[in-house]
C-alpha cells in the first residue's frame, strides 16, 4: 500500500491492526470501532485481520483513484461515490485490463494484481460491514473530513452520506497541499446502499478440486525417516486423524489418552479458565483458532496411528522435549507441541506465527523432494484415503458420507472439497477390469 499502513494493536484483548495514513502517520478514525464490532460478533482473529486489511486496501484505492483522476484531468464535474466503489471491484477482477483509463493507472501505481473470486467476496463482506458500522458512529449531519480523525465525536470510517462528491479548484488545491483523503472525500455510503455493492462471482460456488499433492503411500514412506521426534509425532497425528493444523497444535496432554488410544479436539473457547491457569495471557488465549467440528473425537486410522502412538511415547521422555523455557523456568502449560529452541523455547507451538509453522513444515518435507505442499494437504490426503482407498472388506473406500462423519464435517458439501480422485489408480483399475473380461488394447494388436 502507498497511502496507508497497518499497525499492530490490541483491542478487546485480541491482537489485530489499526490503519495509519502515510507519511503523516495519522490513525484512521473508526477502525477501532470496526474491529470491536467484529470481535463482539464472535468473528475469528484472522477474519478480523483480513477485514481490516481489505478495508485498508480499499481506502488506498480511493485515495489513489482521486490522485489519478486529478492527474488525468477527469474531475471537473461531480462523481458519484457509488461509482468509486464499483470501479474498486473492477480493479480486483480485471485490473490493468480495464477499459477505464483511471483504473488502469491506479492498478499500475499500486501494483495491483487480479484476485480470486473468494477474495473478491472477502472484500465485499469487509466493506459491507464497514458501511453498516459507519452509520452507527457518524452523528454529525455536516460532512467533515472524519476519516483522518478530525471529527469531534469520534465518527466512524464511513461519511455523512451524500450521493455525490464535488471536486472544485479549492478541493484540488487542498488535496495537493494537505491530505489527499481529507480533501477528496465529502460523501459516503449508507447501510441502505450496501446492497448496491457489486456481486461479482456471487451465486452457487464451484470448487476447483485439483490433483492431490501428497498421497498416503508417500507419507507412509517418509514418516518413519523423520528424526525430529516432535515433527514426526505432529505429522503422524495429522496423517492418522486428518486434523487441521490448528487443531493438532492446540492439543493438550489431557486430550490424549494412551490407554484408550483416543485423541480429542476441543474448542479453545470452551475452556479459557484452563489456559489462564497455565499462564497464558488474554491475547494469547483469544489467538487460539477454532473452525468447528461435528464432534470432538479424532478418528485415527492405521498404520499412521501406530506411528503416532510410538512417536508420542518417545516424545514425552525425550531429552530434547522442553520442560524448561529459555529462562530456565518450569513450563506450566500442557500443550503437547512446543518450541524446541531459541528465545521462545518451551512456548506452545500453537502461539508461534503461522509462517514459522509453514516454513518448518516445508523445510521438513523438502528433504524428501516434496514441494509446494502445506500442512492442510495432509488433511486432503486423509479424507481422500477414507473415501477411495481405505480397505473395507473385499473393497476399498468408505464413501463420502461416512468419511464426512469421521472427519467431523458439519456439512457434506465441505467433504466434497477434499474428494480428490487418484487418476493413475483409477486408470489402473479400469485396465485390470478390461483384462478380466478378456478385452484390452494390447490384445487387439496383430
Protein backbone atom coordinates (compact mmCIF):
# COMPACT_ATOMS: atom_id res chain seq x y z
CA UNK A 1 0.00 0.00 0.00
CA UNK A 2 1.17 3.53 -0.77
CA UNK A 3 -1.07 5.75 1.32
CA UNK A 4 -1.78 3.63 4.39
CA UNK A 5 -0.03 1.24 6.73
CA UNK A 6 -1.41 -1.41 9.07
CA UNK A 7 -0.12 -1.07 12.65
CA UNK A 8 -0.41 -3.90 15.24
CA UNK A 9 -2.80 -3.16 18.10
CA UNK A 10 -4.66 -4.99 20.87
CA UNK A 11 -8.40 -4.33 21.02
CA UNK A 12 -10.71 -6.16 23.44
CA UNK A 13 -7.75 -8.43 24.28
CA UNK A 14 -7.46 -9.51 20.63
CA UNK A 15 -4.31 -8.91 18.60
CA UNK A 16 -5.36 -7.02 15.48
CA UNK A 17 -4.46 -3.89 13.50
CA UNK A 18 -5.34 -0.24 13.07
CA UNK A 19 -4.68 1.82 9.96
CA UNK A 20 -2.33 4.82 9.73
CA UNK A 21 -2.01 7.24 6.84
CA UNK A 22 1.35 7.61 5.10
CA UNK A 23 3.52 9.62 5.52
CA UNK A 24 1.89 11.75 8.25
CA UNK A 25 1.11 8.67 10.43
CA UNK A 26 -2.39 9.76 11.44
CA UNK A 27 -4.57 6.92 12.74
CA UNK A 28 -7.67 6.42 10.62
CA UNK A 29 -10.66 7.11 12.82
CA UNK A 30 -13.30 4.42 13.18
CA UNK A 31 -11.14 1.36 12.57
CA UNK A 32 -11.09 0.57 16.29
CA UNK A 33 -14.90 0.61 16.36
CA UNK A 34 -14.91 -1.57 13.26
CA UNK A 35 -12.62 -4.15 14.87
CA UNK A 36 -14.53 -4.06 18.15
CA UNK A 37 -17.81 -4.69 16.34
CA UNK A 38 -16.32 -7.68 14.51
CA UNK A 39 -14.90 -9.10 17.74
CA UNK A 40 -18.23 -8.62 19.51
CA UNK A 41 -19.88 -10.66 16.76
CA UNK A 42 -17.52 -13.53 17.56
CA UNK A 43 -15.50 -13.30 14.35
CA UNK A 44 -12.16 -15.13 14.47
CA UNK A 45 -8.97 -13.11 14.88
CA UNK A 46 -7.76 -13.99 11.39
CA UNK A 47 -11.10 -12.88 9.94
CA UNK A 48 -10.88 -9.54 11.75
CA UNK A 49 -7.35 -9.00 10.46
CA UNK A 50 -8.37 -9.96 6.92
CA UNK A 51 -11.25 -7.50 7.00
CA UNK A 52 -9.03 -4.68 8.28
CA UNK A 53 -6.53 -5.44 5.52
CA UNK A 54 -9.30 -5.37 2.91
CA UNK A 55 -10.55 -2.05 4.28
CA UNK A 56 -7.04 -0.58 4.21
CA UNK A 57 -6.53 -1.61 0.57
CA UNK A 58 -9.91 -0.16 -0.33
CA UNK A 59 -9.03 3.18 1.26
CA UNK A 60 -5.67 3.06 -0.52
CA UNK A 61 -7.50 2.61 -3.81
CA UNK A 62 -9.89 5.51 -3.11
CA UNK A 63 -7.04 7.91 -2.42
CA UNK A 64 -5.05 6.77 -5.44
CA UNK A 65 -8.14 6.91 -7.68
CA UNK A 66 -8.67 10.57 -6.79
CA UNK A 67 -4.98 11.35 -7.36
CA UNK A 68 -5.06 9.72 -10.79
CA UNK A 69 -8.34 11.46 -11.63
CA UNK A 70 -6.72 14.81 -10.91
CA UNK A 71 -3.59 13.94 -12.85
CA UNK A 72 -5.67 12.97 -15.89
CA UNK A 73 -7.98 15.97 -15.53
CA UNK A 74 -11.09 13.84 -15.10
CA UNK A 75 -12.68 15.57 -12.09
CA UNK A 76 -14.13 18.76 -13.45
CA UNK A 77 -17.67 17.76 -12.56
CA UNK A 78 -19.36 15.57 -9.99
CA UNK A 79 -18.51 11.94 -9.26
CA UNK A 80 -20.87 9.51 -7.56
CA UNK A 81 -19.27 7.79 -4.62
CA UNK A 82 -21.02 4.54 -5.54
CA UNK A 83 -19.10 4.64 -8.82
CA UNK A 84 -15.80 4.67 -6.93
CA UNK A 85 -16.87 1.52 -5.07
CA UNK A 86 -17.79 -0.16 -8.33
CA UNK A 87 -14.50 0.69 -10.03
CA UNK A 88 -12.68 -0.65 -6.95
CA UNK A 89 -14.26 -4.06 -7.52
CA UNK A 90 -13.49 -3.70 -11.20
CA UNK A 91 -9.83 -3.23 -10.28
CA UNK A 92 -9.94 -6.51 -8.35
CA UNK A 93 -11.48 -8.51 -11.17
CA UNK A 94 -9.94 -7.01 -14.33
CA UNK A 95 -7.07 -4.84 -13.04
CA UNK A 96 -4.87 -3.32 -15.73
CA UNK A 97 -7.15 -4.78 -18.41
CA UNK A 98 -9.91 -2.33 -17.51
CA UNK A 99 -11.40 -0.04 -20.14
CA UNK A 100 -11.25 2.77 -17.56
CA UNK A 101 -8.05 4.75 -18.02
CA UNK A 102 -8.04 5.84 -14.37
CA UNK A 103 -8.43 2.28 -13.08
CA UNK A 104 -5.55 1.11 -15.26
CA UNK A 105 -3.34 3.90 -13.94
CA UNK A 106 -4.29 3.15 -10.33
CA UNK A 107 -3.57 -0.56 -10.72
CA UNK A 108 -0.13 0.22 -12.14
CA UNK A 109 0.69 2.70 -9.37
CA UNK A 110 -0.47 0.29 -6.65
CA UNK A 111 0.94 -2.79 -8.40
CA UNK A 112 -2.47 -4.43 -8.05
CA UNK A 113 -2.96 -7.98 -9.27
CA UNK A 114 -6.15 -9.84 -10.06
CA UNK A 115 -7.65 -11.74 -7.14
CA UNK A 116 -9.65 -14.95 -6.92
CA UNK A 117 -13.42 -14.89 -6.64
CA UNK A 118 -13.33 -15.91 -2.98
CA UNK A 119 -11.06 -12.97 -2.24
CA UNK A 120 -13.49 -10.64 -4.02
CA UNK A 121 -16.21 -11.88 -1.69
CA UNK A 122 -13.96 -11.21 1.32
CA UNK A 123 -13.62 -7.60 0.16
CA UNK A 124 -17.35 -7.37 -0.33
CA UNK A 125 -18.10 -8.71 3.17
CA UNK A 126 -15.48 -6.44 4.74
CA UNK A 127 -16.82 -3.29 3.07
CA UNK A 128 -20.44 -4.24 3.63
CA UNK A 129 -19.85 -4.49 7.36
CA UNK A 130 -17.71 -1.32 7.32
CA UNK A 131 -20.53 0.73 5.79
CA UNK A 132 -23.03 -0.70 8.26
CA UNK A 133 -20.82 0.08 11.24
CA UNK A 134 -20.07 3.59 9.98
CA UNK A 135 -23.76 4.51 10.10
CA UNK A 136 -23.81 3.86 13.84
CA UNK A 137 -20.88 6.14 14.56
CA UNK A 138 -21.48 9.07 12.20
CA UNK A 139 -23.52 11.52 14.25
CA UNK A 140 -22.87 14.82 12.57
CA UNK A 141 -25.01 15.99 9.66
CA UNK A 142 -22.21 18.16 8.32
CA UNK A 143 -19.75 16.50 6.01
CA UNK A 144 -16.41 16.51 7.85
CA UNK A 145 -13.08 15.02 6.88
CA UNK A 146 -13.60 12.39 9.51
CA UNK A 147 -11.54 9.55 8.12
CA UNK A 148 -8.38 11.13 9.45
CA UNK A 149 -9.93 11.81 12.82
CA UNK A 150 -10.88 15.48 12.57
CA UNK A 151 -14.42 14.75 13.74
CA UNK A 152 -15.10 15.74 17.34
CA UNK A 153 -17.38 12.81 18.29
CA UNK A 154 -15.07 10.06 17.06
CA UNK A 155 -17.06 9.29 13.96
CA UNK A 156 -16.72 6.08 12.08
CA UNK A 157 -15.00 5.06 8.91
CA UNK A 158 -17.98 6.00 6.79
CA UNK A 159 -19.00 9.53 5.97
CA UNK A 160 -22.19 11.59 6.38
CA UNK A 161 -23.97 10.38 3.30
CA UNK A 162 -24.13 12.44 0.12
CA UNK A 163 -24.92 10.78 -3.16
CA UNK A 164 -22.10 12.62 -4.90
CA UNK A 165 -18.84 14.36 -4.21
CA UNK A 166 -17.73 17.53 -5.98
CA UNK A 167 -14.15 18.29 -6.93
CA UNK A 168 -13.67 22.03 -7.08
CA UNK A 169 -10.48 24.00 -7.55
CA UNK A 170 -10.22 24.52 -3.79
CA UNK A 171 -10.68 20.78 -3.23
CA UNK A 172 -7.91 20.00 -5.66
CA UNK A 173 -5.60 22.56 -4.02
CA UNK A 174 -6.34 21.13 -0.58
CA UNK A 175 -5.58 17.62 -1.84
CA UNK A 176 -2.15 18.61 -3.04
CA UNK A 177 -1.30 20.78 -0.03
CA UNK A 178 -2.59 18.72 2.89
CA UNK A 179 -4.12 15.28 2.98
CA UNK A 180 -5.47 13.50 -0.07
CA UNK A 181 -8.16 11.79 1.95
CA UNK A 182 -9.17 14.94 3.82
CA UNK A 183 -9.54 16.88 0.60
CA UNK A 184 -11.15 14.43 -1.75
CA UNK A 185 -13.94 12.72 0.15
CA UNK A 186 -17.03 14.52 1.34
CA UNK A 187 -19.66 11.85 0.82
CA UNK A 188 -20.11 8.21 1.73
CA UNK A 189 -22.30 5.15 1.54
CA UNK A 190 -25.12 4.46 3.92
CA UNK A 191 -26.03 0.97 5.03
CA UNK A 192 -29.17 1.26 2.92
CA UNK A 193 -26.91 1.35 -0.14
CA UNK A 194 -24.97 -1.74 0.89
CA UNK A 195 -26.99 -3.95 -1.44
CA UNK A 196 -25.70 -1.90 -4.36
CA UNK A 197 -22.23 -3.33 -3.82
CA UNK A 198 -21.16 -5.32 -6.87
CA UNK A 199 -21.87 -9.03 -6.60
CA UNK A 200 -19.13 -10.29 -8.87
CA UNK A 201 -18.86 -14.08 -8.92
CA UNK A 202 -21.69 -14.45 -6.44
CA UNK A 203 -24.14 -17.33 -6.54
CA UNK A 204 -23.56 -21.03 -6.17
CA UNK A 205 -19.90 -21.74 -5.52
CA UNK A 206 -17.97 -24.08 -7.77
CA UNK A 207 -14.91 -25.51 -6.07
CA UNK A 208 -11.96 -26.48 -8.20
CA UNK A 209 -10.55 -29.73 -6.89
CA UNK A 210 -7.04 -30.14 -8.22
CA UNK A 211 -4.72 -33.10 -8.13
CA UNK A 212 -3.74 -34.47 -4.74
CA UNK A 213 -0.29 -33.10 -3.97
CA UNK A 214 0.55 -35.57 -1.21
CA UNK A 215 -0.59 -39.19 -1.14
CA UNK A 216 -0.98 -41.86 1.51
CA UNK A 217 1.85 -44.05 0.29
CA UNK A 218 4.40 -41.21 0.18
CA UNK A 219 3.52 -40.19 3.73
CA UNK A 220 3.87 -43.75 4.94
CA UNK A 221 7.30 -43.91 3.33
CA UNK A 222 8.77 -40.72 4.82
CA UNK A 223 7.23 -40.57 8.33
CA UNK A 224 9.48 -43.24 9.90
CA UNK A 225 12.51 -41.46 8.41
CA UNK A 226 11.89 -38.15 10.23
CA UNK A 227 14.48 -37.90 13.01
CA UNK A 228 12.95 -34.97 14.91
CA UNK A 229 10.52 -36.77 17.20
CA UNK A 230 8.27 -33.71 17.72
CA UNK A 231 7.86 -33.17 13.99
CA UNK A 232 7.34 -36.88 13.37
CA UNK A 233 4.70 -37.00 16.10
CA UNK A 234 2.90 -33.92 14.70
CA UNK A 235 2.85 -35.19 11.12
CA UNK A 236 1.77 -38.65 12.24
CA UNK A 237 -1.16 -37.11 14.16
CA UNK A 238 -2.18 -35.10 11.10
CA UNK A 239 -1.95 -38.18 8.88
CA UNK A 240 -3.70 -40.51 11.33
CA UNK A 241 -6.53 -38.18 12.36
CA UNK A 242 -6.87 -35.72 9.48
CA UNK A 243 -6.99 -32.76 11.88
CA UNK A 244 -6.48 -29.19 10.82
CA UNK A 245 -3.00 -27.94 11.74
CA UNK A 246 -4.51 -25.51 14.27
CA UNK A 247 -6.41 -28.32 15.99
CA UNK A 248 -3.34 -30.55 16.18
CA UNK A 249 -1.07 -27.79 17.54
CA UNK A 250 -3.62 -26.90 20.24
CA UNK A 251 -3.75 -30.48 21.54
CA UNK A 252 -3.09 -30.71 25.29
CA UNK A 253 -1.67 -33.72 27.10
CA UNK A 254 -5.04 -34.13 28.85
CA UNK A 255 -6.67 -34.52 25.42
CA UNK A 256 -4.67 -37.68 24.77
CA UNK A 257 -5.49 -41.00 26.45
CA UNK A 258 -2.82 -43.55 25.55
CA UNK A 259 -4.60 -46.38 27.37
CA UNK A 260 -7.83 -45.85 25.43
CA UNK A 261 -5.93 -44.88 22.25
CA UNK A 262 -8.06 -41.75 21.91
CA UNK A 263 -7.37 -38.14 20.96
CA UNK A 264 -9.79 -35.24 21.41
CA UNK A 265 -10.01 -31.93 19.56
CA UNK A 266 -11.52 -29.33 21.93
CA UNK A 267 -12.82 -25.86 21.11
CA UNK A 268 -10.50 -23.42 22.99
CA UNK A 269 -13.42 -21.09 23.75
CA UNK A 270 -14.94 -23.82 25.93
CA UNK A 271 -12.06 -23.85 28.42
CA UNK A 272 -10.47 -20.38 28.73
CA UNK A 273 -10.00 -20.75 32.51
CA UNK A 274 -7.74 -23.74 31.95
CA UNK A 275 -5.47 -21.70 29.68
CA UNK A 276 -5.31 -18.83 32.17
CA UNK A 277 -4.29 -21.31 34.89
CA UNK A 278 -1.45 -22.42 32.60
CA UNK A 279 -0.13 -18.84 32.48
CA UNK A 280 -1.38 -17.76 29.07
CA UNK A 281 -2.35 -14.12 28.61
CA UNK A 282 -5.76 -12.96 27.42
CA UNK A 283 -4.44 -12.06 23.96
CA UNK A 284 -2.78 -15.48 23.67
CA UNK A 285 -5.99 -17.29 24.58
CA UNK A 286 -8.04 -15.28 22.10
CA UNK A 287 -5.48 -16.00 19.38
CA UNK A 288 -6.18 -19.76 19.55
CA UNK A 289 -8.09 -20.82 16.44
CA UNK A 290 -11.14 -22.99 16.00
CA UNK A 291 -13.12 -23.55 12.80
CA UNK A 292 -15.59 -26.09 14.14
CA UNK A 293 -16.21 -29.84 14.23
CA UNK A 294 -19.26 -32.08 14.44
CA UNK A 295 -17.72 -33.95 17.39
CA UNK A 296 -14.56 -33.83 19.49
CA UNK A 297 -13.31 -37.37 18.89
CA UNK A 298 -10.45 -37.73 16.38
CA UNK A 299 -10.75 -40.87 14.23
CA UNK A 300 -7.25 -42.37 13.94
CA UNK A 301 -6.54 -44.73 11.05
CA UNK A 302 -3.83 -47.39 10.74
CA UNK A 303 -0.95 -47.62 10.10
CA UNK A 304 -0.41 -43.95 10.98
CA UNK A 305 -1.99 -44.40 14.39
CA UNK A 306 0.81 -46.76 15.47
CA UNK A 307 3.46 -44.28 14.23
CA UNK A 308 1.77 -41.54 16.23
CA UNK A 309 1.49 -43.52 19.48
CA UNK A 310 5.10 -44.70 19.25
CA UNK A 311 6.31 -41.15 18.49
CA UNK A 312 4.20 -39.64 21.29
CA UNK A 313 5.62 -42.06 23.86
CA UNK A 314 9.12 -41.28 22.62
CA UNK A 315 8.46 -37.52 22.68
CA UNK A 316 7.42 -37.41 26.34
CA UNK A 317 10.69 -39.00 27.51
CA UNK A 318 12.98 -37.29 25.01
CA UNK A 319 15.79 -35.19 26.47
CA UNK A 320 15.02 -32.58 23.78
CA UNK A 321 11.42 -32.17 24.93
CA UNK A 322 11.45 -28.80 26.74
CA UNK A 323 10.28 -28.85 30.34
CA UNK A 324 12.13 -25.57 30.98
CA UNK A 325 11.77 -22.39 28.93
CA UNK A 326 14.62 -20.19 27.68
CA UNK A 327 14.82 -18.53 31.12
CA UNK A 328 15.19 -21.90 32.87
CA UNK A 329 11.69 -21.70 34.34
CA UNK A 330 9.33 -24.65 34.50
CA UNK A 331 6.92 -24.93 31.58
CA UNK A 332 3.47 -24.64 33.16
CA UNK A 333 1.27 -25.18 30.13
CA UNK A 334 0.06 -28.58 28.88
CA UNK A 335 0.44 -28.14 25.13
CA UNK A 336 1.96 -31.24 23.55
CA UNK A 337 3.83 -29.47 20.74
CA UNK A 338 6.35 -26.89 21.96
CA UNK A 339 9.10 -24.70 20.55
CA UNK A 340 12.34 -26.65 20.92
CA UNK A 341 14.96 -23.91 20.95
CA UNK A 342 15.64 -20.20 20.83
CA UNK A 343 14.25 -17.32 22.84
CA UNK A 344 10.75 -18.84 22.78
CA UNK A 345 11.88 -22.32 23.84
CA UNK A 346 9.16 -24.19 25.71
CA UNK A 347 6.33 -21.99 24.49
CA UNK A 348 3.33 -23.60 22.72
CA UNK A 349 3.98 -24.03 19.02
CA UNK A 350 0.34 -23.04 18.55
CA UNK A 351 1.24 -19.49 19.60
CA UNK A 352 4.08 -19.19 17.11
CA UNK A 353 3.35 -17.33 13.89
CA UNK A 354 1.67 -19.32 11.15
CA UNK A 355 4.61 -18.52 8.87
CA UNK A 356 7.03 -20.23 11.25
CA UNK A 357 4.98 -23.42 11.27
CA UNK A 358 4.58 -23.46 7.49
CA UNK A 359 8.30 -22.89 6.92
CA UNK A 360 9.11 -25.69 9.34
CA UNK A 361 6.72 -28.00 7.50
CA UNK A 362 8.05 -27.14 4.02
CA UNK A 363 11.67 -27.40 5.14
CA UNK A 364 10.96 -30.81 6.63
CA UNK A 365 9.32 -32.26 3.50
CA UNK A 366 11.75 -30.64 1.09
CA UNK A 367 14.37 -33.14 2.29
CA UNK A 368 12.21 -35.83 0.69
CA UNK A 369 11.70 -33.92 -2.59
CA UNK A 370 8.14 -32.94 -1.65
CA UNK A 371 7.48 -29.30 -2.55
CA UNK A 372 4.54 -26.90 -2.84
CA UNK A 373 2.58 -28.55 -0.06
CA UNK A 374 1.12 -27.23 3.18
CA UNK A 375 0.01 -28.93 6.42
CA UNK A 376 -3.57 -28.81 5.14
CA UNK A 377 -2.60 -31.10 2.24
CA UNK A 378 -2.30 -33.92 4.79
CA UNK A 379 -5.97 -33.42 5.67
CA UNK A 380 -6.80 -33.69 1.97
CA UNK A 381 -4.76 -36.89 1.84
CA UNK A 382 -6.62 -38.28 4.87
CA UNK A 383 -10.12 -37.57 3.53
CA UNK A 384 -9.29 -38.87 0.04
CA UNK A 385 -7.89 -42.06 1.52
CA UNK A 386 -11.03 -42.60 3.61
CA UNK A 387 -13.32 -42.05 0.63
CA UNK A 388 -11.49 -44.08 -2.01
CA UNK A 389 -8.66 -46.23 -0.67
CA UNK A 390 -9.09 -47.46 2.91
CA UNK A 391 -9.56 -51.27 2.84
CA UNK A 392 -13.12 -52.26 3.72
CA UNK A 393 -13.98 -55.95 3.49
CA UNK A 394 -13.41 -57.03 -0.10
CA UNK A 395 -13.47 -53.49 -1.42
CA UNK A 396 -11.91 -50.08 -0.89
CA UNK A 397 -13.20 -46.75 0.36
CA UNK A 398 -15.89 -45.72 2.83
CA UNK A 399 -17.63 -43.23 0.57
CA UNK A 400 -18.25 -39.52 1.08
CA UNK A 401 -20.99 -39.71 3.71
CA UNK A 402 -19.10 -41.96 6.13
CA UNK A 403 -15.85 -40.06 5.58
CA UNK A 404 -17.65 -36.77 6.26
CA UNK A 405 -18.79 -38.04 9.64
CA UNK A 406 -15.35 -39.42 10.55
CA UNK A 407 -13.59 -36.18 9.64
CA UNK A 408 -16.25 -34.29 11.67
CA UNK A 409 -17.50 -32.04 8.89
CA UNK A 410 -20.79 -30.38 9.77
CA UNK A 411 -21.86 -30.29 6.10
CA UNK A 412 -21.39 -32.94 3.46
CA UNK A 413 -20.50 -30.22 0.94
CA UNK A 414 -17.35 -29.47 2.92
CA UNK A 415 -16.13 -33.04 2.47
CA UNK A 416 -16.65 -32.86 -1.30
CA UNK A 417 -13.96 -30.17 -1.46
CA UNK A 418 -11.47 -32.78 -0.19
CA UNK A 419 -12.61 -35.51 -2.57
CA UNK A 420 -9.58 -35.97 -4.83
CA UNK A 421 -9.62 -38.90 -7.21
CA UNK A 422 -6.26 -40.52 -7.93
CA UNK A 423 -6.40 -40.69 -11.73
CA UNK A 424 -3.48 -43.11 -12.03
CA UNK A 425 -5.15 -45.57 -9.63
CA UNK A 426 -8.48 -45.23 -11.45
CA UNK A 427 -6.76 -45.87 -14.79
CA UNK A 428 -5.01 -48.99 -13.43
CA UNK A 429 -8.31 -50.29 -12.02
CA UNK A 430 -10.03 -49.83 -15.39
CA UNK A 431 -7.23 -51.66 -17.18
CA UNK A 432 -7.44 -54.57 -14.71
CA UNK A 433 -11.19 -54.72 -15.25
CA UNK A 434 -10.81 -54.95 -19.03
CA UNK A 435 -8.22 -57.68 -18.68
CA UNK A 436 -10.61 -59.72 -16.53
CA UNK A 437 -13.34 -59.60 -19.18
CA UNK A 438 -10.88 -60.52 -21.92
CA UNK A 439 -10.67 -57.12 -23.59
CA UNK A 440 -7.58 -54.90 -23.57
CA UNK A 441 -5.90 -52.70 -26.19
CA UNK A 442 -2.79 -54.91 -26.09
CA UNK A 443 -4.90 -57.88 -27.08
CA UNK A 444 -6.05 -56.12 -30.23
CA UNK A 445 -2.51 -55.74 -31.59
CA UNK A 446 -1.81 -58.05 -34.60
